[in-house]
């Protein structure tokens, strides 16, 4: 059985203005929440990554110094 235009266009949904406004408000709130979470993660994780970088550099330098002195 083949579908004709009457069967394909049977589900036509037109959102009400309130539904459209609710979707727009939910989208704005979602974007704002994402921005806040992103800024908080950036503010918290950036210093931690810098600290980890310094620790790796210090441990590497200490390892090289130890290796040179024990040759």
PDB file of N, CA and C in Angstrom:
ATOM      1  N   UNK A   1       0.856  -1.176   0.000  1.00  0.00           N
ATOM      2  CA  UNK A   1       0.000   0.000   0.000  1.00  0.00           C
ATOM      3  C   UNK A   1       0.896   1.231   0.000  1.00  0.00           C
ATOM      4  N   UNK A   2       0.656   2.114  -0.930  1.00  0.00           N
ATOM      5  CA  UNK A   2       1.464   3.332  -1.025  1.00  0.00           C
ATOM      6  C   UNK A   2       0.789   4.475  -0.288  1.00  0.00           C
ATOM      7  N   UNK A   3       1.602   5.371   0.256  1.00  0.00           N
ATOM      8  CA  UNK A   3       1.062   6.524   0.971  1.00  0.00           C
ATOM      9  C   UNK A   3       0.831   7.663  -0.004  1.00  0.00           C
ATOM     10  N   UNK A   4      -0.307   8.302   0.120  1.00  0.00           N
ATOM     11  CA  UNK A   4      -0.557   9.478  -0.701  1.00  0.00           C
ATOM     12  C   UNK A   4      -0.455  10.741   0.161  1.00  0.00           C
ATOM     13  N   UNK A   5      -0.683  11.892  -0.411  1.00  0.00           N
ATOM     14  CA  UNK A   5      -0.528  13.154   0.315  1.00  0.00           C
ATOM     15  C   UNK A   5      -1.458  13.258   1.518  1.00  0.00           C
ATOM     16  N   UNK A   6      -2.637  12.663   1.429  1.00  0.00           N
ATOM     17  CA  UNK A   6      -3.588  12.743   2.528  1.00  0.00           C
ATOM     18  C   UNK A   6      -3.050  12.037   3.770  1.00  0.00           C
ATOM     19  N   UNK A   7      -2.360  10.899   3.588  1.00  0.00           N
ATOM     20  CA  UNK A   7      -1.816  10.171   4.724  1.00  0.00           C
ATOM     21  C   UNK A   7      -0.558  10.838   5.265  1.00  0.00           C
ATOM     22  N   UNK A   8       0.248  11.403   4.380  1.00  0.00           N
ATOM     23  CA  UNK A   8       1.510  12.011   4.817  1.00  0.00           C
ATOM     24  C   UNK A   8       1.252  13.294   5.602  1.00  0.00           C
ATOM     25  N   UNK A   9       0.325  14.134   5.148  1.00  0.00           N
ATOM     26  CA  UNK A   9       0.074  15.425   5.783  1.00  0.00           C
ATOM     27  C   UNK A   9      -0.985  15.343   6.877  1.00  0.00           C
ATOM     28  N   UNK A  10      -1.259  14.171   7.371  1.00  0.00           N
ATOM     29  CA  UNK A  10      -2.310  14.009   8.373  1.00  0.00           C
ATOM     30  C   UNK A  10      -1.909  14.634   9.705  1.00  0.00           C
ATOM     31  N   UNK A  11      -0.647  14.599  10.060  1.00  0.00           N
ATOM     32  CA  UNK A  11      -0.205  15.115  11.350  1.00  0.00           C
ATOM     33  C   UNK A  11       0.383  16.513  11.171  1.00  0.00           C
ATOM     34  N   UNK A  12      -0.475  17.502  11.031  1.00  0.00           N
ATOM     35  CA  UNK A  12       0.000  18.878  10.938  1.00  0.00           C
ATOM     36  C   UNK A  12      -0.225  19.533  12.297  1.00  0.00           C
ATOM     37  N   UNK A  13       0.852  19.954  12.925  1.00  0.00           N
ATOM     38  CA  UNK A  13       0.790  20.544  14.256  1.00  0.00           C
ATOM     39  C   UNK A  13       1.280  21.976  14.164  1.00  0.00           C
ATOM     40  N   UNK A  14       0.435  22.903  14.576  1.00  0.00           N
ATOM     41  CA  UNK A  14       0.836  24.306  14.608  1.00  0.00           C
ATOM     42  C   UNK A  14       0.946  24.721  16.066  1.00  0.00           C
ATOM     43  N   UNK A  15       2.171  25.066  16.523  1.00  0.00           N
ATOM     44  CA  UNK A  15       2.315  25.436  17.920  1.00  0.00           C
ATOM     45  C   UNK A  15       1.644  26.769  18.231  1.00  0.00           C
ATOM     46  N   UNK A  16       1.080  26.850  19.420  1.00  0.00           N
ATOM     47  CA  UNK A  16       0.440  28.088  19.849  1.00  0.00           C
ATOM     48  C   UNK A  16       1.511  29.115  20.200  1.00  0.00           C
ATOM     49  N   UNK A  17       1.173  30.396  20.261  1.00  0.00           N
ATOM     50  CA  UNK A  17       2.164  31.409  20.648  1.00  0.00           C
ATOM     51  C   UNK A  17       2.742  31.163  22.038  1.00  0.00           C
ATOM     52  N   UNK A  18       1.914  30.640  22.944  1.00  0.00           N
ATOM     53  CA  UNK A  18       2.415  30.352  24.289  1.00  0.00           C
ATOM     54  C   UNK A  18       3.445  29.226  24.249  1.00  0.00           C
ATOM     55  N   UNK A  19       3.195  28.227  23.419  1.00  0.00           N
ATOM     56  CA  UNK A  19       4.149  27.117  23.286  1.00  0.00           C
ATOM     57  C   UNK A  19       5.461  27.606  22.689  1.00  0.00           C
ATOM     58  N   UNK A  20       5.375  28.480  21.688  1.00  0.00           N
ATOM     59  CA  UNK A  20       6.580  29.035  21.077  1.00  0.00           C
ATOM     60  C   UNK A  20       7.362  29.876  22.078  1.00  0.00           C
ATOM     61  N   UNK A  21       6.662  30.691  22.867  1.00  0.00           N
ATOM     62  CA  UNK A  21       7.328  31.523  23.874  1.00  0.00           C
ATOM     63  C   UNK A  21       7.963  30.662  24.956  1.00  0.00           C
ATOM     64  N   UNK A  22       7.300  29.576  25.327  1.00  0.00           N
ATOM     65  CA  UNK A  22       7.845  28.678  26.337  1.00  0.00           C
ATOM     66  C   UNK A  22       9.114  27.998  25.825  1.00  0.00           C
ATOM     67  N   UNK A  23       9.110  27.586  24.561  1.00  0.00           N
ATOM     68  CA  UNK A  23      10.298  26.974  23.988  1.00  0.00           C
ATOM     69  C   UNK A  23      11.459  27.968  23.949  1.00  0.00           C
ATOM     70  N   UNK A  24      11.173  29.211  23.584  1.00  0.00           N
ATOM     71  CA  UNK A  24      12.223  30.225  23.508  1.00  0.00           C
ATOM     72  C   UNK A  24      12.775  30.518  24.899  1.00  0.00           C
ATOM     73  N   UNK A  25      11.899  30.614  25.895  1.00  0.00           N
ATOM     74  CA  UNK A  25      12.346  30.870  27.265  1.00  0.00           C
ATOM     75  C   UNK A  25      13.179  29.701  27.795  1.00  0.00           C
ATOM     76  N   UNK A  26      12.758  28.478  27.512  1.00  0.00           N
ATOM     77  CA  UNK A  26      13.515  27.311  27.956  1.00  0.00           C
ATOM     78  C   UNK A  26      14.890  27.279  27.294  1.00  0.00           C
ATOM     79  N   UNK A  27      14.949  27.674  26.034  1.00  0.00           N
ATOM     80  CA  UNK A  27      16.233  27.694  25.328  1.00  0.00           C
ATOM     81  C   UNK A  27      17.166  28.738  25.932  1.00  0.00           C
ATOM     82  N   UNK A  28      16.629  29.931  26.226  1.00  0.00           N
ATOM     83  CA  UNK A  28      17.442  30.994  26.828  1.00  0.00           C
ATOM     84  C   UNK A  28      17.944  30.571  28.200  1.00  0.00           C
ATOM     85  N   UNK A  29      17.079  29.953  28.995  1.00  0.00           N
ATOM     86  CA  UNK A  29      17.481  29.495  30.334  1.00  0.00           C
ATOM     87  C   UNK A  29      18.540  28.403  30.219  1.00  0.00           C
ATOM     88  N   UNK A  30      18.397  27.501  29.264  1.00  0.00           N
ATOM     89  CA  UNK A  30      19.391  26.445  29.057  1.00  0.00           C
ATOM     90  C   UNK A  30      20.743  27.010  28.649  1.00  0.00           C
ATOM     91  N   UNK A  31      20.730  28.008  27.767  1.00  0.00           N
ATOM     92  CA  UNK A  31      21.989  28.629  27.352  1.00  0.00           C
ATOM     93  C   UNK A  31      22.645  29.352  28.523  1.00  0.00           C
ATOM     94  N   UNK A  32      21.858  30.066  29.312  1.00  0.00           N
ATOM     95  CA  UNK A  32      22.398  30.774  30.481  1.00  0.00           C
ATOM     96  C   UNK A  32      22.993  29.786  31.486  1.00  0.00           C
ATOM     97  N   UNK A  33      22.301  28.682  31.746  1.00  0.00           N
ATOM     98  CA  UNK A  33      22.813  27.678  32.676  1.00  0.00           C
ATOM     99  C   UNK A  33      24.106  27.072  32.149  1.00  0.00           C
ATOM    100  N   UNK A  34      24.173  26.809  30.853  1.00  0.00           N
ATOM    101  CA  UNK A  34      25.402  26.275  30.256  1.00  0.00           C
ATOM    102  C   UNK A  34      26.561  27.251  30.367  1.00  0.00           C
ATOM    103  N   UNK A  35      26.275  28.524  30.153  1.00  0.00           N
ATOM    104  CA  UNK A  35      27.328  29.531  30.283  1.00  0.00           C
ATOM    105  C   UNK A  35      27.848  29.610  31.714  1.00  0.00           C
ATOM    106  N   UNK A  36      26.945  29.582  32.677  1.00  0.00           N
ATOM    107  CA  UNK A  36      27.353  29.661  34.086  1.00  0.00           C
ATOM    108  C   UNK A  36      28.197  28.444  34.456  1.00  0.00           C
ATOM    109  N   UNK A  37      27.762  27.258  34.065  1.00  0.00           N
ATOM    110  CA  UNK A  37      28.522  26.041  34.371  1.00  0.00           C
ATOM    111  C   UNK A  37      29.882  26.084  33.682  1.00  0.00           C
ATOM    112  N   UNK A  38      29.914  26.542  32.432  1.00  0.00           N
ATOM    113  CA  UNK A  38      31.170  26.629  31.705  1.00  0.00           C
ATOM    114  C   UNK A  38      32.158  27.583  32.345  1.00  0.00           C
ATOM    115  N   UNK A  39      31.680  28.748  32.771  1.00  0.00           N
ATOM    116  CA  UNK A  39      32.565  29.724  33.415  1.00  0.00           C
ATOM    117  C   UNK A  39      33.062  29.189  34.757  1.00  0.00           C
ATOM    118  N   UNK A  40      32.193  28.538  35.512  1.00  0.00           N
ATOM    119  CA  UNK A  40      32.621  27.972  36.794  1.00  0.00           C
ATOM    120  C   UNK A  40      33.663  26.879  36.594  1.00  0.00           C
ATOM    121  N   UNK A  41      33.439  26.001  35.631  1.00  0.00           N
ATOM    122  CA  UNK A  41      34.425  24.947  35.370  1.00  0.00           C
ATOM    123  C   UNK A  41      35.747  25.544  34.900  1.00  0.00           C
ATOM    124  N   UNK A  42      35.681  26.572  34.061  1.00  0.00           N
ATOM    125  CA  UNK A  42      36.896  27.233  33.581  1.00  0.00           C
ATOM    126  C   UNK A  42      37.636  27.870  34.748  1.00  0.00           C
ATOM    127  N   UNK A  43      36.901  28.523  35.657  1.00  0.00           N
ATOM    128  CA  UNK A  43      37.541  29.189  36.788  1.00  0.00           C
ATOM    129  C   UNK A  43      38.132  28.178  37.777  1.00  0.00           C
ATOM    130  N   UNK A  44      37.554  27.001  37.869  1.00  0.00           N
ATOM    131  CA  UNK A  44      38.038  26.007  38.830  1.00  0.00           C
ATOM    132  C   UNK A  44      39.130  25.133  38.207  1.00  0.00           C
ATOM    133  N   UNK A  45      38.932  24.684  36.978  1.00  0.00           N
ATOM    134  CA  UNK A  45      39.865  23.727  36.380  1.00  0.00           C
ATOM    135  C   UNK A  45      41.130  24.378  35.820  1.00  0.00           C
ATOM    136  N   UNK A  46      41.053  25.639  35.424  1.00  0.00           N
ATOM    137  CA  UNK A  46      42.232  26.278  34.834  1.00  0.00           C
ATOM    138  C   UNK A  46      43.385  26.360  35.837  1.00  0.00           C
ATOM    139  N   UNK A  47      43.177  26.839  37.078  1.00  0.00           N
ATOM    140  CA  UNK A  47      44.294  26.849  38.039  1.00  0.00           C
ATOM    141  C   UNK A  47      44.791  25.452  38.389  1.00  0.00           C
ATOM    142  N   UNK A  48      43.885  24.482  38.419  1.00  0.00           N
ATOM    143  CA  UNK A  48      44.305  23.113  38.731  1.00  0.00           C
ATOM    144  C   UNK A  48      45.226  22.594  37.633  1.00  0.00           C
ATOM    145  N   UNK A  49      44.866  22.857  36.377  1.00  0.00           N
ATOM    146  CA  UNK A  49      45.715  22.414  35.261  1.00  0.00           C
ATOM    147  C   UNK A  49      47.061  23.124  35.289  1.00  0.00           C
ATOM    148  N   UNK A  50      47.065  24.403  35.639  1.00  0.00           N
ATOM    149  CA  UNK A  50      48.335  25.111  35.759  1.00  0.00           C
ATOM    150  C   UNK A  50      49.176  24.509  36.879  1.00  0.00           C
ATOM    151  N   UNK A  51      48.546  24.205  38.008  1.00  0.00           N
ATOM    152  CA  UNK A  51      49.262  23.597  39.127  1.00  0.00           C
ATOM    153  C   UNK A  51      49.836  22.247  38.759  1.00  0.00           C
ATOM    154  N   UNK A  52      49.059  21.440  38.035  1.00  0.00           N
ATOM    155  CA  UNK A  52      49.538  20.128  37.606  1.00  0.00           C
ATOM    156  C   UNK A  52      50.724  20.297  36.661  1.00  0.00           C
ATOM    157  N   UNK A  53      50.677  21.291  35.810  1.00  0.00           N
ATOM    158  CA  UNK A  53      51.792  21.553  34.904  1.00  0.00           C
ATOM    159  C   UNK A  53      53.062  21.900  35.652  1.00  0.00           C
ATOM    160  N   UNK A  54      52.929  22.737  36.686  1.00  0.00           N
ATOM    161  CA  UNK A  54      54.103  23.097  37.497  1.00  0.00           C
ATOM    162  C   UNK A  54      54.656  21.880  38.228  1.00  0.00           C
ATOM    163  N   UNK A  55      53.773  21.040  38.764  1.00  0.00           N
ATOM    164  CA  UNK A  55      54.224  19.839  39.482  1.00  0.00           C
ATOM    165  C   UNK A  55      54.980  18.909  38.530  1.00  0.00           C
ATOM    166  N   UNK A  56      54.442  18.733  37.324  1.00  0.00           N
ATOM    167  CA  UNK A  56      55.125  17.877  36.348  1.00  0.00           C
ATOM    168  C   UNK A  56      56.483  18.468  35.990  1.00  0.00           C
ATOM    169  N   UNK A  57      56.553  19.782  35.822  1.00  0.00           N
ATOM    170  CA  UNK A  57      57.831  20.423  35.479  1.00  0.00           C
ATOM    171  C   UNK A  57      58.848  20.259  36.606  1.00  0.00           C
ATOM    172  N   UNK A  58      58.409  20.454  37.847  1.00  0.00           N
ATOM    173  CA  UNK A  58      59.321  20.324  38.994  1.00  0.00           C
ATOM    174  C   UNK A  58      59.803  18.882  39.129  1.00  0.00           C
ATOM    175  N   UNK A  59      58.895  17.921  38.991  1.00  0.00           N
ATOM    176  CA  UNK A  59      59.290  16.511  39.094  1.00  0.00           C
ATOM    177  C   UNK A  59      60.239  16.123  37.961  1.00  0.00           C
ATOM    178  N   UNK A  60      60.001  16.631  36.776  1.00  0.00           N
ATOM    179  CA  UNK A  60      60.895  16.340  35.652  1.00  0.00           C
ATOM    180  C   UNK A  60      62.275  16.930  35.903  1.00  0.00           C
ATOM    181  N   UNK A  61      62.313  18.179  36.375  1.00  0.00           N
ATOM    182  CA  UNK A  61      63.597  18.823  36.652  1.00  0.00           C
ATOM    183  C   UNK A  61      64.348  18.063  37.746  1.00  0.00           C
ATOM    184  N   UNK A  62      63.614  17.649  38.798  1.00  0.00           N
ATOM    185  CA  UNK A  62      64.252  16.896  39.883  1.00  0.00           C
ATOM    186  C   UNK A  62      64.779  15.557  39.361  1.00  0.00           C
ATOM    187  N   UNK A  63      64.018  14.912  38.501  1.00  0.00           N
ATOM    188  CA  UNK A  63      64.465  13.641  37.929  1.00  0.00           C
ATOM    189  C   UNK A  63      65.696  13.803  37.060  1.00  0.00           C
ATOM    190  N   UNK A  64      65.757  14.868  36.280  1.00  0.00           N
ATOM    191  CA  UNK A  64      66.927  15.117  35.431  1.00  0.00           C
ATOM    192  C   UNK A  64      68.148  15.420  36.280  1.00  0.00           C
ATOM    193  N   UNK A  65      67.956  16.243  37.324  1.00  0.00           N
ATOM    194  CA  UNK A  65      69.080  16.563  38.220  1.00  0.00           C
ATOM    195  C   UNK A  65      69.585  15.295  38.898  1.00  0.00           C
ATOM    196  N   UNK A  66      68.686  14.458  39.368  1.00  0.00           N
ATOM    197  CA  UNK A  66      69.079  13.202  40.014  1.00  0.00           C
ATOM    198  C   UNK A  66      69.812  12.300  39.022  1.00  0.00           C
ATOM    199  N   UNK A  67      69.329  12.210  37.814  1.00  0.00           N
ATOM    200  CA  UNK A  67      69.939  11.371  36.793  1.00  0.00           C
ATOM    201  C   UNK A  67      71.339  11.847  36.447  1.00  0.00           C
ATOM    202  N   UNK A  68      71.509  13.181  36.342  1.00  0.00           N
ATOM    203  CA  UNK A  68      72.832  13.740  36.018  1.00  0.00           C
ATOM    204  C   UNK A  68      73.814  13.511  37.180  1.00  0.00           C
ATOM    205  N   UNK A  69      73.359  13.689  38.417  1.00  0.00           N
ATOM    206  CA  UNK A  69      74.259  13.549  39.559  1.00  0.00           C
ATOM    207  C   UNK A  69      74.628  12.086  39.832  1.00  0.00           C
ATOM    208  N   UNK A  70      73.852  11.137  39.358  1.00  0.00           N
ATOM    209  CA  UNK A  70      74.146   9.725  39.629  1.00  0.00           C
ATOM    210  C   UNK A  70      74.865   9.044  38.466  1.00  0.00           C
ATOM    211  N   UNK A  71      75.274   9.778  37.459  1.00  0.00           N
ATOM    212  CA  UNK A  71      75.972   9.152  36.329  1.00  0.00           C
ATOM    213  C   UNK A  71      77.332   8.652  36.705  1.00  0.00           C
TER     214      UNK A  71
END
